[in-house]
Each structure stands twice: as structure tokens, then as C-alpha cells.
C-alpha atoms as a PDB file:
ATOM      1  CA  UNK A   1      -4.066  43.160 -58.660  1.00  0.00           C
ATOM      2  CA  UNK A   2      -1.426  41.063 -57.552  1.00  0.00           C
ATOM      3  CA  UNK A   3      -2.219  37.455 -57.017  1.00  0.00           C
ATOM      4  CA  UNK A   4      -1.891  37.631 -53.163  1.00  0.00           C
ATOM      5  CA  UNK A   5      -4.806  40.513 -53.286  1.00  0.00           C
ATOM      6  CA  UNK A   6      -7.240  38.455 -55.123  1.00  0.00           C
ATOM      7  CA  UNK A   7      -6.072  35.657 -53.500  1.00  0.00           C
ATOM      8  CA  UNK A   8      -7.262  37.150 -50.035  1.00  0.00           C
ATOM      9  CA  UNK A   9     -10.418  38.411 -52.103  1.00  0.00           C
ATOM     10  CA  UNK A  10     -11.512  35.201 -52.994  1.00  0.00           C
ATOM     11  CA  UNK A  11     -11.130  33.656 -49.220  1.00  0.00           C
ATOM     12  CA  UNK A  12     -12.695  36.105 -48.435  1.00  0.00           C
ATOM     13  CA  UNK A  13     -15.766  35.859 -50.593  1.00  0.00           C
ATOM     14  CA  UNK A  14     -17.584  32.954 -48.766  1.00  0.00           C
ATOM     15  CA  UNK A  15     -21.058  30.916 -49.896  1.00  0.00           C
ATOM     16  CA  UNK A  16     -22.576  32.763 -47.426  1.00  0.00           C
ATOM     17  CA  UNK A  17     -21.842  35.822 -49.620  1.00  0.00           C
ATOM     18  CA  UNK A  18     -23.033  33.533 -52.654  1.00  0.00           C
ATOM     19  CA  UNK A  19     -27.017  32.985 -50.589  1.00  0.00           C
ATOM     20  CA  UNK A  20     -26.680  36.709 -49.621  1.00  0.00           C
ATOM     21  CA  UNK A  21     -26.510  37.863 -53.198  1.00  0.00           C
ATOM     22  CA  UNK A  22     -28.801  35.118 -54.600  1.00  0.00           C
ATOM     23  CA  UNK A  23     -31.147  33.966 -51.676  1.00  0.00           C
ATOM     24  CA  UNK A  24     -34.125  30.973 -52.288  1.00  0.00           C
ATOM     25  CA  UNK A  25     -36.592  33.916 -53.746  1.00  0.00           C
ATOM     26  CA  UNK A  26     -34.016  34.660 -56.471  1.00  0.00           C
ATOM     27  CA  UNK A  27     -33.032  31.416 -57.585  1.00  0.00           C
ATOM     28  CA  UNK A  28     -36.763  30.272 -57.809  1.00  0.00           C
ATOM     29  CA  UNK A  29     -36.947  33.878 -60.610  1.00  0.00           C
ATOM     30  CA  UNK A  30     -33.993  32.979 -61.839  1.00  0.00           C
ATOM     31  CA  UNK A  31     -35.117  29.421 -62.528  1.00  0.00           C
ATOM     32  CA  UNK A  32     -38.462  30.874 -64.211  1.00  0.00           C
ATOM     33  CA  UNK A  33     -37.229  33.135 -66.446  1.00  0.00           C
ATOM     34  CA  UNK A  34     -34.898  30.907 -67.626  1.00  0.00           C
ATOM     35  CA  UNK A  35     -37.859  28.590 -68.400  1.00  0.00           C
ATOM     36  CA  UNK A  36     -40.465  31.546 -69.623  1.00  0.00           C
ATOM     37  CA  UNK A  37     -37.512  32.047 -71.885  1.00  0.00           C
ATOM     38  CA  UNK A  38     -37.003  28.771 -73.199  1.00  0.00           C
ATOM     39  CA  UNK A  39     -40.522  28.243 -74.231  1.00  0.00           C
ATOM     40  CA  UNK A  40     -40.133  30.565 -76.756  1.00  0.00           C
ATOM     41  CA  UNK A  41     -36.323  29.980 -78.458  1.00  0.00           C
ATOM     42  CA  UNK A  42     -34.928  26.613 -79.500  1.00  0.00           C
ATOM     43  CA  UNK A  43     -31.548  27.432 -77.389  1.00  0.00           C
ATOM     44  CA  UNK A  44     -29.815  26.018 -73.858  1.00  0.00           C
ATOM     45  CA  UNK A  45     -29.418  29.001 -71.208  1.00  0.00           C
ATOM     46  CA  UNK A  46     -27.960  28.016 -68.480  1.00  0.00           C
ATOM     47  CA  UNK A  47     -26.658  30.181 -65.116  1.00  0.00           C
ATOM     48  CA  UNK A  48     -24.111  29.455 -62.613  1.00  0.00           C
ATOM     49  CA  UNK A  49     -23.102  31.318 -59.613  1.00  0.00           C
ATOM     50  CA  UNK A  50     -19.617  30.902 -58.000  1.00  0.00           C
ATOM     51  CA  UNK A  51     -19.278  33.185 -54.840  1.00  0.00           C
ATOM     52  CA  UNK A  52     -15.224  32.586 -54.980  1.00  0.00           C
ATOM     53  CA  UNK A  53     -12.359  30.389 -56.421  1.00  0.00           C
ATOM     54  CA  UNK A  54     -10.177  27.738 -54.604  1.00  0.00           C
ATOM     55  CA  UNK A  55      -6.677  28.326 -53.655  1.00  0.00           C
ATOM     56  CA  UNK A  56      -5.203  26.002 -56.476  1.00  0.00           C
ATOM     57  CA  UNK A  57      -7.123  28.152 -59.168  1.00  0.00           C
ATOM     58  CA  UNK A  58      -6.355  31.573 -57.636  1.00  0.00           C
ATOM     59  CA  UNK A  59      -2.822  30.401 -57.063  1.00  0.00           C
ATOM     60  CA  UNK A  60      -2.826  29.169 -61.123  1.00  0.00           C
ATOM     61  CA  UNK A  61      -3.742  32.711 -62.204  1.00  0.00           C
ATOM     62  CA  UNK A  62      -7.219  30.914 -63.673  1.00  0.00           C
ATOM     63  CA  UNK A  63      -9.420  33.664 -65.068  1.00  0.00           C
ATOM     64  CA  UNK A  64     -13.250  33.898 -64.686  1.00  0.00           C
ATOM     65  CA  UNK A  65     -13.157  33.479 -68.271  1.00  0.00           C
ATOM     66  CA  UNK A  66     -10.804  30.143 -68.452  1.00  0.00           C
ATOM     67  CA  UNK A  67     -13.221  28.884 -65.264  1.00  0.00           C
ATOM     68  CA  UNK A  68     -16.887  29.830 -67.377  1.00  0.00           C
ATOM     69  CA  UNK A  69     -15.458  27.856 -70.404  1.00  0.00           C
ATOM     70  CA  UNK A  70     -14.367  24.799 -67.968  1.00  0.00           C
ATOM     71  CA  UNK A  71     -17.947  24.832 -66.461  1.00  0.00           C
ATOM     72  CA  UNK A  72     -19.130  25.088 -69.546  1.00  0.00           C
ATOM     73  CA  UNK A  73     -18.038  21.770 -70.818  1.00  0.00           C
ATOM     74  CA  UNK A  74     -18.461  20.621 -67.156  1.00  0.00           C
ATOM     75  CA  UNK A  75     -22.118  20.596 -66.876  1.00  0.00           C
ATOM     76  CA  UNK A  76     -22.524  19.862 -70.693  1.00  0.00           C
ATOM     77  CA  UNK A  77     -23.872  23.377 -72.266  1.00  0.00           C
ATOM     78  CA  UNK A  78     -22.165  22.433 -75.298  1.00  0.00           C
ATOM     79  CA  UNK A  79     -24.006  19.267 -75.329  1.00  0.00           C
ATOM     80  CA  UNK A  80     -27.052  20.672 -77.206  1.00  0.00           C
ATOM     81  CA  UNK A  81     -28.780  19.290 -80.857  1.00  0.00           C
ATOM     82  CA  UNK A  82     -28.378  22.708 -82.201  1.00  0.00           C
ATOM     83  CA  UNK A  83     -25.055  23.778 -80.679  1.00  0.00           C
ATOM     84  CA  UNK A  84     -27.325  26.834 -78.706  1.00  0.00           C
ATOM     85  CA  UNK A  85     -26.137  26.049 -75.405  1.00  0.00           C
ATOM     86  CA  UNK A  86     -25.276  29.577 -73.412  1.00  0.00           C
ATOM     87  CA  UNK A  87     -23.471  29.676 -70.202  1.00  0.00           C
ATOM     88  CA  UNK A  88     -23.839  32.621 -67.885  1.00  0.00           C
ATOM     89  CA  UNK A  89     -21.488  32.300 -65.508  1.00  0.00           C
ATOM     90  CA  UNK A  90     -21.251  34.809 -62.282  1.00  0.00           C
ATOM     91  CA  UNK A  91     -17.950  35.097 -60.056  1.00  0.00           C
ATOM     92  CA  UNK A  92     -18.677  37.311 -57.031  1.00  0.00           C
ATOM     93  CA  UNK A  93     -15.350  37.941 -55.744  1.00  0.00           C
ATOM     94  CA  UNK A  94     -13.977  38.787 -59.063  1.00  0.00           C
ATOM     95  CA  UNK A  95     -16.800  41.436 -59.792  1.00  0.00           C
ATOM     96  CA  UNK A  96     -17.283  39.355 -63.342  1.00  0.00           C
ATOM     97  CA  UNK A  97     -19.542  38.145 -65.229  1.00  0.00           C
ATOM     98  CA  UNK A  98     -19.017  35.644 -68.742  1.00  0.00           C
ATOM     99  CA  UNK A  99     -21.012  34.488 -71.255  1.00  0.00           C
ATOM    100  CA  UNK A 100     -20.218  31.440 -73.023  1.00  0.00           C
ATOM    101  CA  UNK A 101     -22.072  30.467 -76.153  1.00  0.00           C
ATOM    102  CA  UNK A 102     -21.918  27.329 -77.697  1.00  0.00           C
ATOM    103  CA  UNK A 103     -20.202  27.360 -81.627  1.00  0.00           C
ATOM    104  CA  UNK A 104     -24.031  27.711 -83.049  1.00  0.00           C
ATOM    105  CA  UNK A 105     -25.040  30.672 -81.289  1.00  0.00           C
ATOM    106  CA  UNK A 106     -21.338  32.383 -81.296  1.00  0.00           C
ATOM    107  CA  UNK A 107     -22.016  32.439 -85.162  1.00  0.00           C
ATOM    108  CA  UNK A 108     -25.732  34.749 -85.009  1.00  0.00           C
ATOM    109  CA  UNK A 109     -25.060  36.390 -81.703  1.00  0.00           C
ATOM    110  CA  UNK A 110     -22.151  39.289 -81.489  1.00  0.00           C
ATOM    111  CA  UNK A 111     -19.756  39.774 -78.792  1.00  0.00           C
ATOM    112  CA  UNK A 112     -20.729  43.258 -78.381  1.00  0.00           C
ATOM    113  CA  UNK A 113     -24.524  41.847 -77.238  1.00  0.00           C
ATOM    114  CA  UNK A 114     -22.875  39.831 -74.907  1.00  0.00           C
ATOM    115  CA  UNK A 115     -21.139  42.493 -73.532  1.00  0.00           C
ATOM    116  CA  UNK A 116     -24.208  44.436 -73.152  1.00  0.00           C
ATOM    117  CA  UNK A 117     -25.857  41.534 -71.166  1.00  0.00           C
ATOM    118  CA  UNK A 118     -22.829  41.348 -69.079  1.00  0.00           C
ATOM    119  CA  UNK A 119     -22.917  45.276 -68.449  1.00  0.00           C
ATOM    120  CA  UNK A 120     -26.819  45.104 -67.267  1.00  0.00           C
ATOM    121  CA  UNK A 121     -25.180  42.384 -64.745  1.00  0.00           C
ATOM    122  CA  UNK A 122     -22.336  44.183 -63.037  1.00  0.00           C
ATOM    123  CA  UNK A 123     -23.318  47.486 -63.501  1.00  0.00           C
ATOM    124  CA  UNK A 124     -26.914  45.911 -61.279  1.00  0.00           C
ATOM    125  CA  UNK A 125     -24.215  44.155 -58.996  1.00  0.00           C
ATOM    126  CA  UNK A 126     -22.519  47.364 -58.416  1.00  0.00           C
ATOM    127  CA  UNK A 127     -25.505  48.830 -56.917  1.00  0.00           C
ATOM    128  CA  UNK A 128     -26.131  45.136 -54.666  1.00  0.00           C
ATOM    129  CA  UNK A 129     -28.940  44.483 -57.600  1.00  0.00           C
ATOM    130  CA  UNK A 130     -28.682  41.117 -57.833  1.00  0.00           C
ATOM    131  CA  UNK A 131     -31.829  39.961 -58.351  1.00  0.00           C
ATOM    132  CA  UNK A 132     -33.192  42.797 -60.708  1.00  0.00           C
ATOM    133  CA  UNK A 133     -30.260  43.239 -62.444  1.00  0.00           C
ATOM    134  CA  UNK A 134     -30.319  39.351 -63.052  1.00  0.00           C
ATOM    135  CA  UNK A 135     -33.783  38.461 -64.481  1.00  0.00           C
ATOM    136  CA  UNK A 136     -32.954  42.159 -66.567  1.00  0.00           C
ATOM    137  CA  UNK A 137     -29.804  40.397 -68.111  1.00  0.00           C
ATOM    138  CA  UNK A 138     -31.918  37.068 -68.767  1.00  0.00           C
ATOM    139  CA  UNK A 139     -34.857  39.123 -71.062  1.00  0.00           C
ATOM    140  CA  UNK A 140     -32.192  40.387 -72.814  1.00  0.00           C
ATOM    141  CA  UNK A 141     -30.556  36.616 -73.503  1.00  0.00           C
ATOM    142  CA  UNK A 142     -33.952  35.575 -74.350  1.00  0.00           C
ATOM    143  CA  UNK A 143     -34.925  38.209 -76.514  1.00  0.00           C
ATOM    144  CA  UNK A 144     -31.509  37.178 -78.640  1.00  0.00           C
ATOM    145  CA  UNK A 145     -32.050  33.689 -78.546  1.00  0.00           C
ATOM    146  CA  UNK A 146     -35.733  34.765 -79.432  1.00  0.00           C
ATOM    147  CA  UNK A 147     -34.601  36.362 -82.752  1.00  0.00           C
ATOM    148  CA  UNK A 148     -32.212  34.156 -83.379  1.00  0.00           C
ATOM    149  CA  UNK A 149     -33.083  30.444 -82.631  1.00  0.00           C
ATOM    150  CA  UNK A 150     -37.096  30.811 -82.777  1.00  0.00           C
ATOM    151  CA  UNK A 151     -39.013  28.493 -81.212  1.00  0.00           C
ATOM    152  CA  UNK A 152     -40.689  25.813 -83.918  1.00  0.00           C
ATOM    153  CA  UNK A 153     -42.721  23.979 -81.836  1.00  0.00           C
ATOM    154  CA  UNK A 154     -39.686  21.247 -81.862  1.00  0.00           C
ATOM    155  CA  UNK A 155     -38.377  22.268 -78.716  1.00  0.00           C
ATOM    156  CA  UNK A 156     -37.674  19.943 -75.434  1.00  0.00           C
ATOM    157  CA  UNK A 157     -35.533  21.533 -72.452  1.00  0.00           C
ATOM    158  CA  UNK A 158     -32.084  19.796 -73.021  1.00  0.00           C
ATOM    159  CA  UNK A 159     -30.543  21.218 -70.064  1.00  0.00           C
ATOM    160  CA  UNK A 160     -32.044  21.882 -66.265  1.00  0.00           C
ATOM    161  CA  UNK A 161     -33.223  25.486 -66.008  1.00  0.00           C
ATOM    162  CA  UNK A 162     -31.911  24.866 -62.211  1.00  0.00           C
ATOM    163  CA  UNK A 163     -29.723  27.852 -61.251  1.00  0.00           C
ATOM    164  CA  UNK A 164     -26.630  26.202 -59.924  1.00  0.00           C
ATOM    165  CA  UNK A 165     -24.529  27.761 -56.542  1.00  0.00           C
ATOM    166  CA  UNK A 166     -21.515  26.122 -56.419  1.00  0.00           C
END
């Protein structure tokens, strides 16, 4: 895709598109799924939805992966006691889902497992099922984290469970 075509896509994808894909009921369900999952494991999950990148980011050729890494740092997902933060980043204009896992999680959960989770979301998004596919992906993430970071009674919530709409 050319820079111009990508720029046009990002300019066309407004915050209203984000609200249609992720209305308040869906955001509340996502928060509840994150909260419930974190009761069963010691990891921390953040979910960020961004309808589109800004003009400068698109012109600079910023990829969704690069943006996810920047948000991982900006929102402090890396700053957990066991290096067990996980960011789920959704870019609506690029139709991309990126998962950035802190180094502790990255050592125990494979890239193919994360790709399976991303596929759950992108396939659902292609059917306009943002609600169900996001909740299904969070269930997959929580199961993976419960397997590798089971709750041992010492858990405390280190990051907000609120999904972020940019």
C-alpha cells in the first residue's frame, strides 16, 4: 500500500468509527474480562484501541508494531513486578492487532500463541464482531497467562483494567 493510500485510510477512520466498533457496553465487558482474568493470574493486561494514526506517524511510515511498542512504554505496561505486562493494541485503520509482551511473558509464551490470539480478533473484526472476538481473545490471553503465571495469592492490580480509546 502506498503512503498516500494509507494516509487516506487513516484520515477517513475517525474516532466515531472507534466508538461504533467499541461502544461503551463493549468497553465495560472488556474491562470486566481483564479484571476477571487478573484474578486468576499474576500478569497485567492493557488493551488500547486507536482508530487511526496521526498525519506525522503515517508520513513517517510508523507501523502498528512500532506504535504498539511506543504505547507499551507510554502506558507503563513494562513496569510490573514480574515483568509480566501484556499490551493488546488495536489499530482500526490498518486492520491490525499487535500484542507486546514484557520480557518475562515473552520467555514463556510463544509468538505462535500470540498470533493465534491476534487471528481470533482480526477474523472476528472482518465479520464486524468486535465485541465477541475481543472477549474471545482476552479469554485466550487469560488462559495462557493463568497457565504460566497462576495466581499464588500475592497478586495486586498494578495497571488499570480500563481499556483505552485513543
